[in-house]
Amino acid sequence: MRRLVQIRGIVVLIMLLMDTYLFFVLRYFTQHSTQKVRVLVLSVHCTISVLSIGSLFILSFLPEKVRFYVLSIITGLLIANLISVVIFLIDE
């Protein structure tokens, strides 16, 4: 059980780092947009990030079928974030 908590902690740390970098990238790309568009884009990004990271903490309380779907969604978001970070780092 302790090992599982350590793995979750590492995954959360990686997700936080990638989400923080993507937040700054989004903020840079939306700097010339209107205030409403900028707030909308950054709010949606932060909401998805908080929900995905928060769902990692409640996984042990979810039924097995729901846990499978939540882990699949989180894995997809993690892979998408990783690809985005690599592309933006190469592009700079």
N, C-alpha and C. Protein backbone atom coordinates (compact mmCIF):
# COMPACT_ATOMS: atom_id res chain seq x y z
N MET A 1 0.83 -1.20 0.00
CA MET A 1 0.00 0.00 0.00
C MET A 1 0.87 1.26 0.00
N ARG A 2 1.97 1.21 0.76
CA ARG A 2 2.84 2.37 0.84
C ARG A 2 3.48 2.66 -0.51
N ARG A 3 3.82 1.62 -1.24
CA ARG A 3 4.43 1.79 -2.56
C ARG A 3 3.45 2.46 -3.51
N LEU A 4 2.17 2.09 -3.42
CA LEU A 4 1.16 2.69 -4.27
C LEU A 4 1.02 4.18 -3.99
N VAL A 5 1.11 4.57 -2.72
CA VAL A 5 1.03 5.98 -2.35
C VAL A 5 2.24 6.74 -2.91
N GLN A 6 3.42 6.12 -2.88
CA GLN A 6 4.61 6.77 -3.42
C GLN A 6 4.50 6.96 -4.93
N ILE A 7 3.96 5.94 -5.63
CA ILE A 7 3.80 6.05 -7.07
C ILE A 7 2.79 7.14 -7.41
N ARG A 8 1.69 7.21 -6.65
CA ARG A 8 0.71 8.28 -6.87
C ARG A 8 1.34 9.64 -6.64
N GLY A 9 2.18 9.76 -5.62
CA GLY A 9 2.84 11.03 -5.34
C GLY A 9 3.75 11.45 -6.47
N ILE A 10 4.48 10.51 -7.04
CA ILE A 10 5.36 10.82 -8.16
C ILE A 10 4.55 11.23 -9.38
N VAL A 11 3.46 10.51 -9.65
CA VAL A 11 2.61 10.85 -10.80
C VAL A 11 1.99 12.23 -10.61
N VAL A 12 1.55 12.54 -9.39
CA VAL A 12 0.97 13.86 -9.12
C VAL A 12 2.01 14.95 -9.31
N LEU A 13 3.23 14.71 -8.86
CA LEU A 13 4.30 15.69 -9.03
C LEU A 13 4.60 15.93 -10.51
N ILE A 14 4.66 14.86 -11.29
CA ILE A 14 4.91 15.00 -12.73
C ILE A 14 3.77 15.75 -13.39
N MET A 15 2.53 15.42 -13.01
CA MET A 15 1.38 16.10 -13.60
C MET A 15 1.38 17.58 -13.23
N LEU A 16 1.73 17.90 -12.00
CA LEU A 16 1.78 19.30 -11.58
C LEU A 16 2.82 20.08 -12.37
N LEU A 17 3.98 19.48 -12.56
CA LEU A 17 5.03 20.16 -13.33
C LEU A 17 4.61 20.39 -14.77
N MET A 18 4.03 19.36 -15.40
CA MET A 18 3.60 19.51 -16.79
C MET A 18 2.45 20.50 -16.91
N ASP A 19 1.50 20.45 -15.98
CA ASP A 19 0.37 21.37 -16.03
C ASP A 19 0.80 22.81 -15.79
N THR A 20 1.78 23.01 -14.93
CA THR A 20 2.29 24.35 -14.70
C THR A 20 2.97 24.90 -15.95
N TYR A 21 3.78 24.06 -16.60
CA TYR A 21 4.42 24.49 -17.83
C TYR A 21 3.39 24.80 -18.91
N LEU A 22 2.39 23.93 -19.06
CA LEU A 22 1.36 24.17 -20.07
C LEU A 22 0.52 25.40 -19.74
N PHE A 23 0.33 25.68 -18.45
CA PHE A 23 -0.38 26.90 -18.06
C PHE A 23 0.36 28.14 -18.56
N PHE A 24 1.68 28.15 -18.36
CA PHE A 24 2.46 29.30 -18.83
C PHE A 24 2.49 29.39 -20.36
N VAL A 25 2.50 28.24 -21.02
CA VAL A 25 2.44 28.25 -22.49
C VAL A 25 1.10 28.81 -22.96
N LEU A 26 0.01 28.36 -22.34
CA LEU A 26 -1.30 28.89 -22.70
C LEU A 26 -1.42 30.37 -22.40
N ARG A 27 -0.85 30.77 -21.29
CA ARG A 27 -0.88 32.19 -20.95
C ARG A 27 -0.11 33.02 -21.97
N TYR A 28 1.01 32.49 -22.45
CA TYR A 28 1.80 33.19 -23.47
C TYR A 28 1.02 33.28 -24.78
N PHE A 29 0.39 32.17 -25.19
CA PHE A 29 -0.33 32.17 -26.47
C PHE A 29 -1.61 32.98 -26.45
N THR A 30 -2.17 33.19 -25.28
CA THR A 30 -3.42 33.95 -25.21
C THR A 30 -3.21 35.39 -24.77
N GLN A 31 -1.98 35.87 -24.76
CA GLN A 31 -1.72 37.22 -24.27
C GLN A 31 -2.31 38.30 -25.17
N HIS A 32 -2.50 38.00 -26.45
CA HIS A 32 -3.08 38.99 -27.36
C HIS A 32 -4.57 38.77 -27.58
N SER A 33 -5.15 37.82 -26.87
CA SER A 33 -6.59 37.57 -26.98
C SER A 33 -7.34 38.51 -26.05
N THR A 34 -8.66 38.50 -26.20
CA THR A 34 -9.47 39.31 -25.30
C THR A 34 -9.43 38.70 -23.90
N GLN A 35 -9.80 39.49 -22.93
CA GLN A 35 -9.75 39.05 -21.54
C GLN A 35 -10.70 37.87 -21.30
N LYS A 36 -11.86 37.89 -21.94
CA LYS A 36 -12.82 36.80 -21.76
C LYS A 36 -12.28 35.47 -22.29
N VAL A 37 -11.67 35.52 -23.46
CA VAL A 37 -11.11 34.30 -24.06
C VAL A 37 -9.97 33.78 -23.19
N ARG A 38 -9.14 34.68 -22.73
CA ARG A 38 -8.00 34.28 -21.90
C ARG A 38 -8.47 33.64 -20.60
N VAL A 39 -9.43 34.25 -19.95
CA VAL A 39 -9.95 33.69 -18.70
C VAL A 39 -10.61 32.34 -18.96
N LEU A 40 -11.35 32.22 -20.05
CA LEU A 40 -12.02 30.97 -20.37
C LEU A 40 -11.02 29.84 -20.61
N VAL A 41 -10.01 30.10 -21.43
CA VAL A 41 -9.01 29.07 -21.76
C VAL A 41 -8.25 28.64 -20.52
N LEU A 42 -7.78 29.59 -19.74
CA LEU A 42 -7.01 29.25 -18.55
C LEU A 42 -7.87 28.59 -17.48
N SER A 43 -9.13 29.00 -17.38
CA SER A 43 -10.04 28.37 -16.40
C SER A 43 -10.34 26.92 -16.76
N VAL A 44 -10.58 26.67 -18.04
CA VAL A 44 -10.84 25.29 -18.47
C VAL A 44 -9.61 24.43 -18.23
N HIS A 45 -8.43 24.95 -18.55
CA HIS A 45 -7.20 24.18 -18.32
C HIS A 45 -7.01 23.88 -16.83
N CYS A 46 -7.19 24.88 -15.99
CA CYS A 46 -7.01 24.67 -14.55
C CYS A 46 -8.05 23.72 -13.98
N THR A 47 -9.29 23.82 -14.46
CA THR A 47 -10.34 22.93 -13.97
C THR A 47 -10.05 21.48 -14.33
N ILE A 48 -9.65 21.24 -15.57
CA ILE A 48 -9.31 19.87 -15.97
C ILE A 48 -8.11 19.36 -15.18
N SER A 49 -7.13 20.20 -14.94
CA SER A 49 -5.94 19.79 -14.20
C SER A 49 -6.29 19.44 -12.76
N VAL A 50 -7.07 20.29 -12.12
CA VAL A 50 -7.44 20.04 -10.72
C VAL A 50 -8.30 18.79 -10.60
N LEU A 51 -9.23 18.61 -11.52
CA LEU A 51 -10.08 17.41 -11.47
C LEU A 51 -9.27 16.13 -11.70
N SER A 52 -8.33 16.16 -12.62
CA SER A 52 -7.54 14.95 -12.88
C SER A 52 -6.60 14.63 -11.73
N ILE A 53 -5.99 15.64 -11.15
CA ILE A 53 -5.09 15.40 -10.02
C ILE A 53 -5.90 15.03 -8.78
N GLY A 54 -7.03 15.68 -8.57
CA GLY A 54 -7.86 15.35 -7.43
C GLY A 54 -8.44 13.96 -7.50
N SER A 55 -8.74 13.49 -8.71
CA SER A 55 -9.30 12.15 -8.84
C SER A 55 -8.29 11.07 -8.49
N LEU A 56 -7.01 11.37 -8.59
CA LEU A 56 -6.00 10.39 -8.17
C LEU A 56 -6.06 10.11 -6.67
N PHE A 57 -6.47 11.11 -5.91
CA PHE A 57 -6.53 10.94 -4.46
C PHE A 57 -7.75 10.15 -4.00
N ILE A 58 -8.80 10.11 -4.82
CA ILE A 58 -10.01 9.40 -4.41
C ILE A 58 -10.16 8.05 -5.11
N LEU A 59 -9.14 7.60 -5.81
CA LEU A 59 -9.23 6.34 -6.55
C LEU A 59 -9.53 5.15 -5.64
N SER A 60 -8.97 5.11 -4.47
CA SER A 60 -9.16 3.96 -3.60
C SER A 60 -10.59 3.86 -3.08
N PHE A 61 -11.36 4.93 -3.16
CA PHE A 61 -12.73 4.92 -2.67
C PHE A 61 -13.75 4.63 -3.77
N LEU A 62 -13.30 4.54 -5.00
CA LEU A 62 -14.20 4.33 -6.13
C LEU A 62 -14.39 2.84 -6.40
N PRO A 63 -15.55 2.46 -6.95
CA PRO A 63 -15.73 1.06 -7.37
C PRO A 63 -14.75 0.71 -8.49
N GLU A 64 -14.54 -0.58 -8.68
CA GLU A 64 -13.50 -1.02 -9.61
C GLU A 64 -13.78 -0.59 -11.05
N LYS A 65 -15.03 -0.67 -11.49
CA LYS A 65 -15.35 -0.27 -12.87
C LYS A 65 -15.11 1.22 -13.08
N VAL A 66 -15.53 2.02 -12.13
CA VAL A 66 -15.33 3.47 -12.23
C VAL A 66 -13.85 3.79 -12.17
N ARG A 67 -13.11 3.09 -11.31
CA ARG A 67 -11.67 3.30 -11.18
C ARG A 67 -10.97 3.04 -12.50
N PHE A 68 -11.40 2.02 -13.23
CA PHE A 68 -10.80 1.70 -14.53
C PHE A 68 -10.99 2.86 -15.51
N TYR A 69 -12.20 3.40 -15.58
CA TYR A 69 -12.46 4.51 -16.49
C TYR A 69 -11.70 5.77 -16.08
N VAL A 70 -11.65 6.05 -14.80
CA VAL A 70 -10.93 7.23 -14.33
C VAL A 70 -9.44 7.11 -14.63
N LEU A 71 -8.87 5.94 -14.39
CA LEU A 71 -7.45 5.74 -14.71
C LEU A 71 -7.19 5.85 -16.21
N SER A 72 -8.12 5.38 -17.02
CA SER A 72 -7.96 5.49 -18.47
C SER A 72 -7.97 6.95 -18.91
N ILE A 73 -8.88 7.73 -18.35
CA ILE A 73 -8.95 9.15 -18.69
C ILE A 73 -7.69 9.88 -18.22
N ILE A 74 -7.25 9.59 -17.01
CA ILE A 74 -6.04 10.24 -16.48
C ILE A 74 -4.82 9.85 -17.30
N THR A 75 -4.74 8.59 -17.72
CA THR A 75 -3.62 8.16 -18.55
C THR A 75 -3.63 8.89 -19.89
N GLY A 76 -4.81 9.03 -20.48
CA GLY A 76 -4.91 9.78 -21.74
C GLY A 76 -4.51 11.23 -21.58
N LEU A 77 -4.94 11.87 -20.49
CA LEU A 77 -4.55 13.26 -20.24
C LEU A 77 -3.05 13.38 -19.99
N LEU A 78 -2.50 12.41 -19.29
CA LEU A 78 -1.06 12.43 -19.00
C LEU A 78 -0.25 12.30 -20.29
N ILE A 79 -0.67 11.40 -21.16
CA ILE A 79 0.03 11.22 -22.44
C ILE A 79 -0.12 12.47 -23.31
N ALA A 80 -1.33 13.05 -23.33
CA ALA A 80 -1.53 14.28 -24.12
C ALA A 80 -0.68 15.42 -23.58
N ASN A 81 -0.61 15.55 -22.26
CA ASN A 81 0.23 16.59 -21.67
C ASN A 81 1.70 16.36 -21.99
N LEU A 82 2.13 15.12 -21.92
CA LEU A 82 3.53 14.80 -22.22
C LEU A 82 3.88 15.14 -23.66
N ILE A 83 3.01 14.79 -24.59
CA ILE A 83 3.25 15.11 -25.99
C ILE A 83 3.27 16.63 -26.20
N SER A 84 2.35 17.33 -25.56
CA SER A 84 2.30 18.80 -25.68
C SER A 84 3.58 19.43 -25.14
N VAL A 85 4.02 18.98 -23.99
CA VAL A 85 5.23 19.54 -23.39
C VAL A 85 6.43 19.29 -24.29
N VAL A 86 6.55 18.09 -24.83
CA VAL A 86 7.68 17.79 -25.71
C VAL A 86 7.64 18.67 -26.95
N ILE A 87 6.48 18.83 -27.55
CA ILE A 87 6.36 19.66 -28.74
C ILE A 87 6.70 21.12 -28.43
N PHE A 88 6.18 21.65 -27.33
CA PHE A 88 6.45 23.05 -27.01
C PHE A 88 7.91 23.26 -26.61
N LEU A 89 8.53 22.29 -25.98
CA LEU A 89 9.95 22.42 -25.64
C LEU A 89 10.82 22.38 -26.88
N ILE A 90 10.48 21.51 -27.83
CA ILE A 90 11.25 21.44 -29.07
C ILE A 90 11.06 22.71 -29.89
N ASP A 91 9.85 23.26 -29.87
CA ASP A 91 9.52 24.42 -30.68
C ASP A 91 10.21 25.69 -30.18
N GLU A 92 10.52 25.76 -28.90
CA GLU A 92 11.15 26.98 -28.38
C GLU A 92 12.52 27.05 -28.89
